[in-house]
Amino acid sequence: MLNLHFLYLGMKKLLLLLFIPFVCFGQEDIERYKVYNTTNIYTCLLLDSATGQIWQLQIGLPDVDRLKSVLSDKKLTETLAGYTQQHNKDMKYWEENYNSKADSIVSVKDKEYYKPLSLENKLNDDYYYPIAKNGRFKLYPTGNSYNFIMVDTINGKTYQVQWNIDKDKRFVIRFY
């Protein structure tokens, strides 16, 4: 009976050791940058799958330069460090302009009203404070050769992505 107990404990430890690598290294398997083909054999799109930024890549020919053009440089997500830094700036501003003032200058009601949300509360609201994660954004081709749909796989926001040789015809716009 005692031997079965030790065998059972040994099997639990073995299963735990086999499971740990999948949990610890799962994020590393997801690529941060992905290249998507377009119907134009000389043009591809480069997606930062963590932030949603997109570049248009033009493959070079002997008589044409290779180009990397910004399609959308707006980050749709931010790193945890970026949110923390901004929160610290907001708290410093609030402390200097509201909280450190006497109640006769700034009312208690105004102090509370203008106080920034806690960082924990902000980060729990992924819709308004999305955190950058590899694989968060994906591109899907459409029937129109110049358009893709970009999807935020965590909160479901969708964007129309239009690439073009003409800079004035490129854009990324959110569906509402």
C-alpha atoms as a PDB file:
ATOM      1  CA  MET A   1       0.000   0.000   0.000  1.00  0.00           C
ATOM      2  CA  LEU A   2       2.832   2.387   0.901  1.00  0.00           C
ATOM      3  CA  ASN A   3       4.574   1.677  -2.429  1.00  0.00           C
ATOM      4  CA  LEU A   4       1.426   2.621  -4.352  1.00  0.00           C
ATOM      5  CA  HIS A   5       1.280   5.931  -2.491  1.00  0.00           C
ATOM      6  CA  PHE A   6       4.878   6.783  -3.471  1.00  0.00           C
ATOM      7  CA  LEU A   7       4.213   5.686  -7.044  1.00  0.00           C
ATOM      8  CA  TYR A   8       1.153   7.976  -7.159  1.00  0.00           C
ATOM      9  CA  LEU A   9       3.170  10.948  -5.808  1.00  0.00           C
ATOM     10  CA  GLY A  10       5.948  10.244  -8.299  1.00  0.00           C
ATOM     11  CA  MET A  11       3.501  10.217 -11.204  1.00  0.00           C
ATOM     12  CA  LYS A  12       1.981  13.539 -10.086  1.00  0.00           C
ATOM     13  CA  LYS A  13       5.429  15.136 -10.004  1.00  0.00           C
ATOM     14  CA  LEU A  14       6.298  13.710 -13.413  1.00  0.00           C
ATOM     15  CA  LEU A  15       3.075  15.069 -14.942  1.00  0.00           C
ATOM     16  CA  LEU A  16       3.715  18.456 -13.354  1.00  0.00           C
ATOM     17  CA  LEU A  17       7.260  18.566 -14.772  1.00  0.00           C
ATOM     18  CA  LEU A  18       5.952  17.682 -18.227  1.00  0.00           C
ATOM     19  CA  PHE A  19       3.245  20.367 -18.056  1.00  0.00           C
ATOM     20  CA  ILE A  20       5.461  23.286 -16.877  1.00  0.00           C
ATOM     21  CA  PRO A  21       7.291  23.816 -20.212  1.00  0.00           C
ATOM     22  CA  PHE A  22       3.964  24.228 -22.053  1.00  0.00           C
ATOM     23  CA  VAL A  23       2.807  26.913 -19.628  1.00  0.00           C
ATOM     24  CA  CYS A  24       6.110  28.755 -19.289  1.00  0.00           C
ATOM     25  CA  PHE A  25       7.108  28.872 -22.923  1.00  0.00           C
ATOM     26  CA  GLY A  26       3.737  29.093 -24.664  1.00  0.00           C
ATOM     27  CA  GLN A  27       4.031  32.834 -25.426  1.00  0.00           C
ATOM     28  CA  GLU A  28       7.457  32.402 -27.062  1.00  0.00           C
ATOM     29  CA  ASP A  29       5.974  30.237 -29.826  1.00  0.00           C
ATOM     30  CA  ILE A  30       3.782  33.074 -31.074  1.00  0.00           C
ATOM     31  CA  GLU A  31       5.510  35.294 -33.605  1.00  0.00           C
ATOM     32  CA  ARG A  32       5.538  39.020 -32.949  1.00  0.00           C
ATOM     33  CA  TYR A  33       5.999  40.045 -36.574  1.00  0.00           C
ATOM     34  CA  LYS A  34       4.169  38.302 -39.419  1.00  0.00           C
ATOM     35  CA  VAL A  35       4.327  38.820 -43.179  1.00  0.00           C
ATOM     36  CA  TYR A  36       1.110  38.562 -45.202  1.00  0.00           C
ATOM     37  CA  ASN A  37       1.038  38.172 -48.971  1.00  0.00           C
ATOM     38  CA  THR A  38      -1.166  40.430 -51.082  1.00  0.00           C
ATOM     39  CA  THR A  39      -2.426  39.680 -54.588  1.00  0.00           C
ATOM     40  CA  ASN A  40       0.394  41.885 -55.897  1.00  0.00           C
ATOM     41  CA  ILE A  41       3.449  39.635 -56.184  1.00  0.00           C
ATOM     42  CA  TYR A  42       5.747  42.559 -55.354  1.00  0.00           C
ATOM     43  CA  THR A  43       3.898  43.754 -52.217  1.00  0.00           C
ATOM     44  CA  CYS A  44       3.552  42.184 -48.752  1.00  0.00           C
ATOM     45  CA  LEU A  45       2.276  43.514 -45.437  1.00  0.00           C
ATOM     46  CA  LEU A  46       4.290  43.283 -42.215  1.00  0.00           C
ATOM     47  CA  LEU A  47       2.138  43.155 -39.075  1.00  0.00           C
ATOM     48  CA  ASP A  48       3.311  43.695 -35.505  1.00  0.00           C
ATOM     49  CA  SER A  49       0.918  41.159 -33.985  1.00  0.00           C
ATOM     50  CA  ALA A  50       1.330  42.667 -30.493  1.00  0.00           C
ATOM     51  CA  THR A  51       0.562  46.339 -31.248  1.00  0.00           C
ATOM     52  CA  GLY A  52      -1.359  46.307 -34.549  1.00  0.00           C
ATOM     53  CA  GLN A  53       1.191  48.438 -36.398  1.00  0.00           C
ATOM     54  CA  ILE A  54       1.469  47.632 -40.130  1.00  0.00           C
ATOM     55  CA  TRP A  55       4.070  48.312 -42.813  1.00  0.00           C
ATOM     56  CA  GLN A  56       3.820  47.803 -46.566  1.00  0.00           C
ATOM     57  CA  LEU A  57       6.828  45.997 -48.033  1.00  0.00           C
ATOM     58  CA  GLN A  58       7.644  46.361 -51.714  1.00  0.00           C
ATOM     59  CA  ILE A  59       9.947  43.647 -52.973  1.00  0.00           C
ATOM     60  CA  GLY A  60      12.786  45.057 -55.041  1.00  0.00           C
ATOM     61  CA  LEU A  61      13.511  44.400 -58.644  1.00  0.00           C
ATOM     62  CA  PRO A  62      16.783  45.227 -60.395  1.00  0.00           C
ATOM     63  CA  ASP A  63      15.372  48.560 -61.633  1.00  0.00           C
ATOM     64  CA  VAL A  64      13.170  49.382 -58.566  1.00  0.00           C
ATOM     65  CA  ASP A  65      14.176  50.040 -54.968  1.00  0.00           C
ATOM     66  CA  ARG A  66      12.925  47.902 -52.128  1.00  0.00           C
ATOM     67  CA  LEU A  67      10.618  49.936 -49.888  1.00  0.00           C
ATOM     68  CA  LYS A  68       9.216  49.648 -46.389  1.00  0.00           C
ATOM     69  CA  SER A  69       6.378  52.143 -46.028  1.00  0.00           C
ATOM     70  CA  VAL A  70       4.326  52.868 -42.937  1.00  0.00           C
ATOM     71  CA  LEU A  71       0.718  51.790 -43.387  1.00  0.00           C
ATOM     72  CA  SER A  72      -0.243  52.401 -39.756  1.00  0.00           C
ATOM     73  CA  ASP A  73       2.244  53.435 -37.087  1.00  0.00           C
ATOM     74  CA  LYS A  74      -0.423  53.955 -34.413  1.00  0.00           C
ATOM     75  CA  LYS A  75      -0.050  51.453 -31.579  1.00  0.00           C
ATOM     76  CA  LEU A  76      -3.450  49.969 -30.773  1.00  0.00           C
ATOM     77  CA  THR A  77      -2.076  48.436 -27.564  1.00  0.00           C
ATOM     78  CA  GLU A  78       0.566  49.382 -25.014  1.00  0.00           C
ATOM     79  CA  THR A  79       3.039  47.415 -22.944  1.00  0.00           C
ATOM     80  CA  LEU A  80       2.568  47.061 -19.221  1.00  0.00           C
ATOM     81  CA  ALA A  81       5.675  49.219 -18.739  1.00  0.00           C
ATOM     82  CA  GLY A  82       4.149  51.939 -20.942  1.00  0.00           C
ATOM     83  CA  TYR A  83       0.905  51.979 -18.954  1.00  0.00           C
ATOM     84  CA  THR A  84       2.853  52.077 -15.690  1.00  0.00           C
ATOM     85  CA  GLN A  85       4.970  54.998 -16.872  1.00  0.00           C
ATOM     86  CA  GLN A  86       1.911  56.964 -18.010  1.00  0.00           C
ATOM     87  CA  HIS A  87       0.074  56.196 -14.760  1.00  0.00           C
ATOM     88  CA  ASN A  88       3.024  57.490 -12.735  1.00  0.00           C
ATOM     89  CA  LYS A  89       3.023  60.719 -14.782  1.00  0.00           C
ATOM     90  CA  ASP A  90      -0.735  61.122 -14.274  1.00  0.00           C
ATOM     91  CA  MET A  91      -0.408  60.574 -10.519  1.00  0.00           C
ATOM     92  CA  LYS A  92       2.446  63.097 -10.272  1.00  0.00           C
ATOM     93  CA  TYR A  93       0.394  65.683 -12.189  1.00  0.00           C
ATOM     94  CA  TRP A  94      -2.617  65.062  -9.928  1.00  0.00           C
ATOM     95  CA  GLU A  95      -0.495  65.312  -6.784  1.00  0.00           C
ATOM     96  CA  GLU A  96       1.099  68.602  -7.875  1.00  0.00           C
ATOM     97  CA  ASN A  97      -2.031  70.256  -9.251  1.00  0.00           C
ATOM     98  CA  TYR A  98      -4.833  68.949  -7.048  1.00  0.00           C
ATOM     99  CA  ASN A  99      -3.951  66.861  -4.023  1.00  0.00           C
ATOM    100  CA  SER A 100      -1.137  69.035  -2.640  1.00  0.00           C
ATOM    101  CA  LYS A 101      -3.287  72.183  -2.730  1.00  0.00           C
ATOM    102  CA  ALA A 102      -5.181  73.352   0.317  1.00  0.00           C
ATOM    103  CA  ASP A 103      -8.898  72.545   0.476  1.00  0.00           C
ATOM    104  CA  SER A 104      -9.639  76.258   0.161  1.00  0.00           C
ATOM    105  CA  ILE A 105      -7.933  76.322  -3.278  1.00  0.00           C
ATOM    106  CA  VAL A 106      -9.061  72.935  -4.646  1.00  0.00           C
ATOM    107  CA  SER A 107     -12.136  71.341  -3.140  1.00  0.00           C
ATOM    108  CA  VAL A 108     -12.065  67.807  -1.781  1.00  0.00           C
ATOM    109  CA  LYS A 109     -14.695  66.931  -4.377  1.00  0.00           C
ATOM    110  CA  ASP A 110     -12.432  68.150  -7.213  1.00  0.00           C
ATOM    111  CA  LYS A 111      -9.432  66.330  -5.762  1.00  0.00           C
ATOM    112  CA  GLU A 112     -11.356  63.067  -5.810  1.00  0.00           C
ATOM    113  CA  TYR A 113     -12.905  63.744  -9.223  1.00  0.00           C
ATOM    114  CA  TYR A 114      -9.569  64.399 -10.951  1.00  0.00           C
ATOM    115  CA  LYS A 115      -7.697  61.586  -9.226  1.00  0.00           C
ATOM    116  CA  PRO A 116      -6.608  59.022 -11.858  1.00  0.00           C
ATOM    117  CA  LEU A 117      -7.952  55.487 -11.680  1.00  0.00           C
ATOM    118  CA  SER A 118      -5.649  53.018 -10.006  1.00  0.00           C
ATOM    119  CA  LEU A 119      -3.317  51.173 -12.352  1.00  0.00           C
ATOM    120  CA  GLU A 120      -4.944  47.892 -11.323  1.00  0.00           C
ATOM    121  CA  ASN A 121      -8.402  49.159 -12.324  1.00  0.00           C
ATOM    122  CA  LYS A 122      -7.092  50.395 -15.670  1.00  0.00           C
ATOM    123  CA  LEU A 123      -5.398  47.108 -16.505  1.00  0.00           C
ATOM    124  CA  ASN A 124      -8.509  45.115 -15.642  1.00  0.00           C
ATOM    125  CA  ASP A 125     -10.377  46.961 -18.414  1.00  0.00           C
ATOM    126  CA  ASP A 126      -8.872  45.405 -21.550  1.00  0.00           C
ATOM    127  CA  TYR A 127     -11.331  47.217 -23.815  1.00  0.00           C
ATOM    128  CA  TYR A 128      -9.934  50.681 -23.007  1.00  0.00           C
ATOM    129  CA  TYR A 129      -6.444  49.699 -21.798  1.00  0.00           C
ATOM    130  CA  PRO A 130      -5.391  46.820 -24.056  1.00  0.00           C
ATOM    131  CA  ILE A 131      -2.028  45.248 -23.264  1.00  0.00           C
ATOM    132  CA  ALA A 132       0.322  44.284 -26.100  1.00  0.00           C
ATOM    133  CA  LYS A 133       0.637  40.501 -26.507  1.00  0.00           C
ATOM    134  CA  ASN A 134       2.226  38.555 -29.340  1.00  0.00           C
ATOM    135  CA  GLY A 135      -0.460  37.145 -31.630  1.00  0.00           C
ATOM    136  CA  ARG A 136      -3.106  39.607 -30.471  1.00  0.00           C
ATOM    137  CA  PHE A 137      -3.715  41.005 -33.996  1.00  0.00           C
ATOM    138  CA  LYS A 138      -4.302  38.994 -37.164  1.00  0.00           C
ATOM    139  CA  LEU A 139      -4.929  39.968 -40.792  1.00  0.00           C
ATOM    140  CA  TYR A 140      -7.526  38.302 -43.023  1.00  0.00           C
ATOM    141  CA  PRO A 141      -7.734  38.878 -46.802  1.00  0.00           C
ATOM    142  CA  THR A 142     -10.991  40.028 -48.361  1.00  0.00           C
ATOM    143  CA  GLY A 143     -12.390  39.769 -51.883  1.00  0.00           C
ATOM    144  CA  ASN A 144     -10.870  43.201 -52.614  1.00  0.00           C
ATOM    145  CA  SER A 145      -7.173  42.751 -53.387  1.00  0.00           C
ATOM    146  CA  TYR A 146      -6.260  46.033 -51.657  1.00  0.00           C
ATOM    147  CA  ASN A 147      -8.124  45.348 -48.412  1.00  0.00           C
ATOM    148  CA  PHE A 148      -7.632  43.162 -45.368  1.00  0.00           C
ATOM    149  CA  ILE A 149      -9.589  42.877 -42.134  1.00  0.00           C
ATOM    150  CA  MET A 150      -7.491  43.136 -38.983  1.00  0.00           C
ATOM    151  CA  VAL A 151      -8.963  41.540 -35.862  1.00  0.00           C
ATOM    152  CA  ASP A 152      -7.979  42.063 -32.234  1.00  0.00           C
ATOM    153  CA  THR A 153      -8.330  38.435 -31.158  1.00  0.00           C
ATOM    154  CA  ILE A 154      -8.791  39.367 -27.485  1.00  0.00           C
ATOM    155  CA  ASN A 155     -11.538  42.006 -27.519  1.00  0.00           C
ATOM    156  CA  GLY A 156     -12.939  41.501 -31.033  1.00  0.00           C
ATOM    157  CA  LYS A 157     -12.318  45.008 -32.386  1.00  0.00           C
ATOM    158  CA  THR A 158     -12.037  44.954 -36.179  1.00  0.00           C
ATOM    159  CA  TYR A 159     -10.282  47.286 -38.603  1.00  0.00           C
ATOM    160  CA  GLN A 160     -10.296  47.802 -42.357  1.00  0.00           C
ATOM    161  CA  VAL A 161      -6.724  47.816 -43.666  1.00  0.00           C
ATOM    162  CA  GLN A 162      -6.178  49.216 -47.151  1.00  0.00           C
ATOM    163  CA  TRP A 163      -2.771  49.108 -48.767  1.00  0.00           C
ATOM    164  CA  ASN A 164      -1.855  50.855 -52.007  1.00  0.00           C
ATOM    165  CA  ILE A 165       1.142  52.014 -53.980  1.00  0.00           C
ATOM    166  CA  ASP A 166      -0.313  55.534 -53.727  1.00  0.00           C
ATOM    167  CA  LYS A 167       0.359  56.844 -50.198  1.00  0.00           C
ATOM    168  CA  ASP A 168      -2.895  58.847 -50.120  1.00  0.00           C
ATOM    169  CA  LYS A 169      -4.943  55.664 -50.579  1.00  0.00           C
ATOM    170  CA  ARG A 170      -3.477  53.758 -47.595  1.00  0.00           C
ATOM    171  CA  PHE A 171      -5.325  53.620 -44.303  1.00  0.00           C
ATOM    172  CA  VAL A 172      -6.379  51.612 -41.253  1.00  0.00           C
ATOM    173  CA  ILE A 173      -9.817  52.455 -39.880  1.00  0.00           C
ATOM    174  CA  ARG A 174     -11.834  50.805 -37.125  1.00  0.00           C
ATOM    175  CA  PHE A 175     -15.290  49.313 -37.707  1.00  0.00           C
ATOM    176  CA  TYR A 176     -17.855  50.601 -35.191  1.00  0.00           C
END
